[in-house]
Amino acid sequence: MAHGVVAGLVLHDLGFRPEVISVVTTHATDAPFHVPSIYGLLTNYADMTAIDLTLLGAGGKPFYLR
């Protein structure tokens, strides 16, 4: 299960608004569709930045440079 879906389920259980849940659930690059929202775009890029920083810290090549 994609990490965005898991996060969306947690947010749902915590009572977040549907707009927030839909952005988080569909933000990942491998999501089957994306919410057309600036917040979705920002969440996707924040996620990718976190991944690239983790890769760099582990001595790997970030997606940005692939």
N, C-alpha and C. Protein backbone atom coordinates (compact mmCIF):
# COMPACT_ATOMS: atom_id res chain seq x y z
N MET A 1 0.85 -1.17 0.00
CA MET A 1 0.00 0.00 0.00
C MET A 1 0.90 1.24 0.00
N ALA A 2 0.60 2.18 -0.85
CA ALA A 2 1.39 3.41 -0.96
C ALA A 2 1.38 4.19 0.35
N HIS A 3 2.51 4.84 0.65
CA HIS A 3 2.61 5.55 1.92
C HIS A 3 1.60 6.69 2.04
N GLY A 4 1.22 7.30 0.93
CA GLY A 4 0.22 8.36 0.97
C GLY A 4 -1.14 7.85 1.40
N VAL A 5 -1.46 6.63 0.99
CA VAL A 5 -2.74 6.03 1.37
C VAL A 5 -2.76 5.75 2.87
N VAL A 6 -1.65 5.21 3.38
CA VAL A 6 -1.56 4.95 4.81
C VAL A 6 -1.69 6.25 5.59
N ALA A 7 -0.99 7.27 5.15
CA ALA A 7 -1.07 8.58 5.82
C ALA A 7 -2.48 9.15 5.75
N GLY A 8 -3.14 8.98 4.61
CA GLY A 8 -4.52 9.45 4.47
C GLY A 8 -5.47 8.76 5.42
N LEU A 9 -5.27 7.46 5.63
CA LEU A 9 -6.10 6.72 6.57
C LEU A 9 -5.88 7.21 8.00
N VAL A 10 -4.64 7.49 8.35
CA VAL A 10 -4.34 8.02 9.69
C VAL A 10 -4.99 9.39 9.86
N LEU A 11 -4.85 10.24 8.85
CA LEU A 11 -5.46 11.58 8.94
C LEU A 11 -6.98 11.49 9.06
N HIS A 12 -7.58 10.55 8.35
CA HIS A 12 -9.02 10.34 8.44
C HIS A 12 -9.41 9.97 9.86
N ASP A 13 -8.67 9.04 10.44
CA ASP A 13 -8.95 8.61 11.82
C ASP A 13 -8.76 9.75 12.82
N LEU A 14 -7.87 10.69 12.50
CA LEU A 14 -7.63 11.82 13.39
C LEU A 14 -8.62 12.97 13.17
N GLY A 15 -9.49 12.83 12.16
CA GLY A 15 -10.53 13.82 11.93
C GLY A 15 -10.17 14.99 11.03
N PHE A 16 -9.14 14.83 10.20
CA PHE A 16 -8.77 15.90 9.28
C PHE A 16 -9.84 16.08 8.21
N ARG A 17 -9.86 17.27 7.61
CA ARG A 17 -10.82 17.58 6.55
C ARG A 17 -10.54 16.73 5.31
N PRO A 18 -11.60 16.40 4.55
CA PRO A 18 -11.43 15.60 3.33
C PRO A 18 -10.45 16.21 2.32
N GLU A 19 -10.40 17.54 2.25
CA GLU A 19 -9.49 18.20 1.30
C GLU A 19 -8.03 17.87 1.63
N VAL A 20 -7.71 17.86 2.91
CA VAL A 20 -6.34 17.54 3.34
C VAL A 20 -6.05 16.07 3.08
N ILE A 21 -6.98 15.21 3.42
CA ILE A 21 -6.80 13.77 3.23
C ILE A 21 -6.58 13.44 1.75
N SER A 22 -7.33 14.06 0.86
CA SER A 22 -7.19 13.75 -0.57
C SER A 22 -5.84 14.19 -1.11
N VAL A 23 -5.33 15.32 -0.64
CA VAL A 23 -4.01 15.77 -1.09
C VAL A 23 -2.93 14.81 -0.61
N VAL A 24 -2.98 14.45 0.67
CA VAL A 24 -1.95 13.55 1.21
C VAL A 24 -2.04 12.17 0.57
N THR A 25 -3.25 11.67 0.38
CA THR A 25 -3.44 10.34 -0.18
C THR A 25 -2.91 10.24 -1.61
N THR A 26 -2.98 11.31 -2.38
CA THR A 26 -2.62 11.25 -3.80
C THR A 26 -1.34 11.99 -4.15
N HIS A 27 -0.54 12.40 -3.16
CA HIS A 27 0.62 13.23 -3.46
C HIS A 27 1.80 12.48 -4.06
N ALA A 28 1.91 11.19 -3.80
CA ALA A 28 3.10 10.44 -4.20
C ALA A 28 3.22 10.33 -5.72
N THR A 29 4.44 10.23 -6.18
CA THR A 29 4.71 10.12 -7.61
C THR A 29 4.02 8.92 -8.23
N ASP A 30 3.92 7.83 -7.48
CA ASP A 30 3.33 6.60 -8.02
C ASP A 30 1.82 6.49 -7.77
N ALA A 31 1.19 7.56 -7.32
CA ALA A 31 -0.26 7.53 -7.11
C ALA A 31 -0.96 7.43 -8.47
N PRO A 32 -2.08 6.70 -8.55
CA PRO A 32 -2.76 6.52 -9.83
C PRO A 32 -3.39 7.81 -10.37
N PHE A 33 -3.64 8.77 -9.51
CA PHE A 33 -4.13 10.08 -9.94
C PHE A 33 -3.72 11.09 -8.89
N HIS A 34 -3.80 12.37 -9.24
CA HIS A 34 -3.40 13.45 -8.34
C HIS A 34 -4.51 14.50 -8.27
N VAL A 35 -4.67 15.06 -7.07
CA VAL A 35 -5.63 16.14 -6.88
C VAL A 35 -5.03 17.39 -7.53
N PRO A 36 -5.76 18.07 -8.43
CA PRO A 36 -5.22 19.27 -9.07
C PRO A 36 -5.22 20.45 -8.09
N SER A 37 -4.17 20.52 -7.30
CA SER A 37 -4.09 21.51 -6.22
C SER A 37 -2.65 21.93 -6.03
N ILE A 38 -2.44 23.18 -5.72
CA ILE A 38 -1.09 23.66 -5.41
C ILE A 38 -0.56 22.92 -4.18
N TYR A 39 -1.46 22.55 -3.27
CA TYR A 39 -1.05 21.84 -2.06
C TYR A 39 -0.55 20.43 -2.38
N GLY A 40 -1.17 19.79 -3.36
CA GLY A 40 -0.70 18.49 -3.79
C GLY A 40 0.68 18.58 -4.41
N LEU A 41 0.88 19.60 -5.23
CA LEU A 41 2.18 19.82 -5.87
C LEU A 41 3.25 20.07 -4.82
N LEU A 42 2.97 20.93 -3.86
CA LEU A 42 3.93 21.24 -2.80
C LEU A 42 4.23 20.01 -1.94
N THR A 43 3.20 19.22 -1.64
CA THR A 43 3.40 18.02 -0.83
C THR A 43 4.26 17.01 -1.58
N ASN A 44 4.03 16.87 -2.89
CA ASN A 44 4.84 15.97 -3.70
C ASN A 44 6.30 16.38 -3.69
N TYR A 45 6.57 17.67 -3.91
CA TYR A 45 7.96 18.13 -3.94
C TYR A 45 8.61 18.05 -2.55
N ALA A 46 7.86 18.30 -1.49
CA ALA A 46 8.41 18.15 -0.14
C ALA A 46 8.79 16.69 0.11
N ASP A 47 7.94 15.79 -0.32
CA ASP A 47 8.21 14.36 -0.17
C ASP A 47 9.46 13.97 -0.95
N MET A 48 9.56 14.40 -2.18
CA MET A 48 10.72 14.07 -3.00
C MET A 48 12.00 14.68 -2.42
N THR A 49 11.91 15.87 -1.84
CA THR A 49 13.07 16.49 -1.20
C THR A 49 13.54 15.65 -0.02
N ALA A 50 12.58 15.18 0.78
CA ALA A 50 12.93 14.34 1.92
C ALA A 50 13.61 13.05 1.46
N ILE A 51 13.11 12.47 0.38
CA ILE A 51 13.72 11.25 -0.16
C ILE A 51 15.14 11.54 -0.64
N ASP A 52 15.32 12.62 -1.38
CA ASP A 52 16.65 12.96 -1.90
C ASP A 52 17.64 13.23 -0.77
N LEU A 53 17.21 13.92 0.28
CA LEU A 53 18.10 14.18 1.42
C LEU A 53 18.49 12.88 2.11
N THR A 54 17.57 11.95 2.22
CA THR A 54 17.87 10.65 2.82
C THR A 54 18.86 9.89 1.95
N LEU A 55 18.64 9.91 0.64
CA LEU A 55 19.57 9.23 -0.28
C LEU A 55 20.97 9.83 -0.19
N LEU A 56 21.04 11.15 -0.18
CA LEU A 56 22.35 11.82 -0.07
C LEU A 56 23.05 11.44 1.23
N GLY A 57 22.30 11.43 2.32
CA GLY A 57 22.86 11.09 3.62
C GLY A 57 23.39 9.67 3.69
N ALA A 58 22.80 8.81 2.88
CA ALA A 58 23.22 7.40 2.86
C ALA A 58 24.26 7.13 1.77
N GLY A 59 24.72 8.20 1.10
CA GLY A 59 25.72 8.04 0.07
C GLY A 59 25.17 7.66 -1.29
N GLY A 60 23.85 7.77 -1.45
CA GLY A 60 23.22 7.41 -2.71
C GLY A 60 23.06 8.60 -3.64
N LYS A 61 22.52 8.33 -4.81
CA LYS A 61 22.30 9.38 -5.80
C LYS A 61 20.84 9.82 -5.73
N PRO A 62 20.60 11.11 -5.52
CA PRO A 62 19.22 11.58 -5.40
C PRO A 62 18.48 11.50 -6.74
N PHE A 63 17.17 11.41 -6.66
CA PHE A 63 16.35 11.37 -7.88
C PHE A 63 16.56 12.62 -8.73
N TYR A 64 16.81 13.73 -8.08
CA TYR A 64 17.01 14.99 -8.79
C TYR A 64 18.16 14.89 -9.80
N LEU A 65 19.15 14.09 -9.52
CA LEU A 65 20.32 13.98 -10.40
C LEU A 65 20.28 12.77 -11.30
N ARG A 66 19.17 12.07 -11.37
CA ARG A 66 19.08 10.87 -12.20
C ARG A 66 18.63 11.21 -13.59
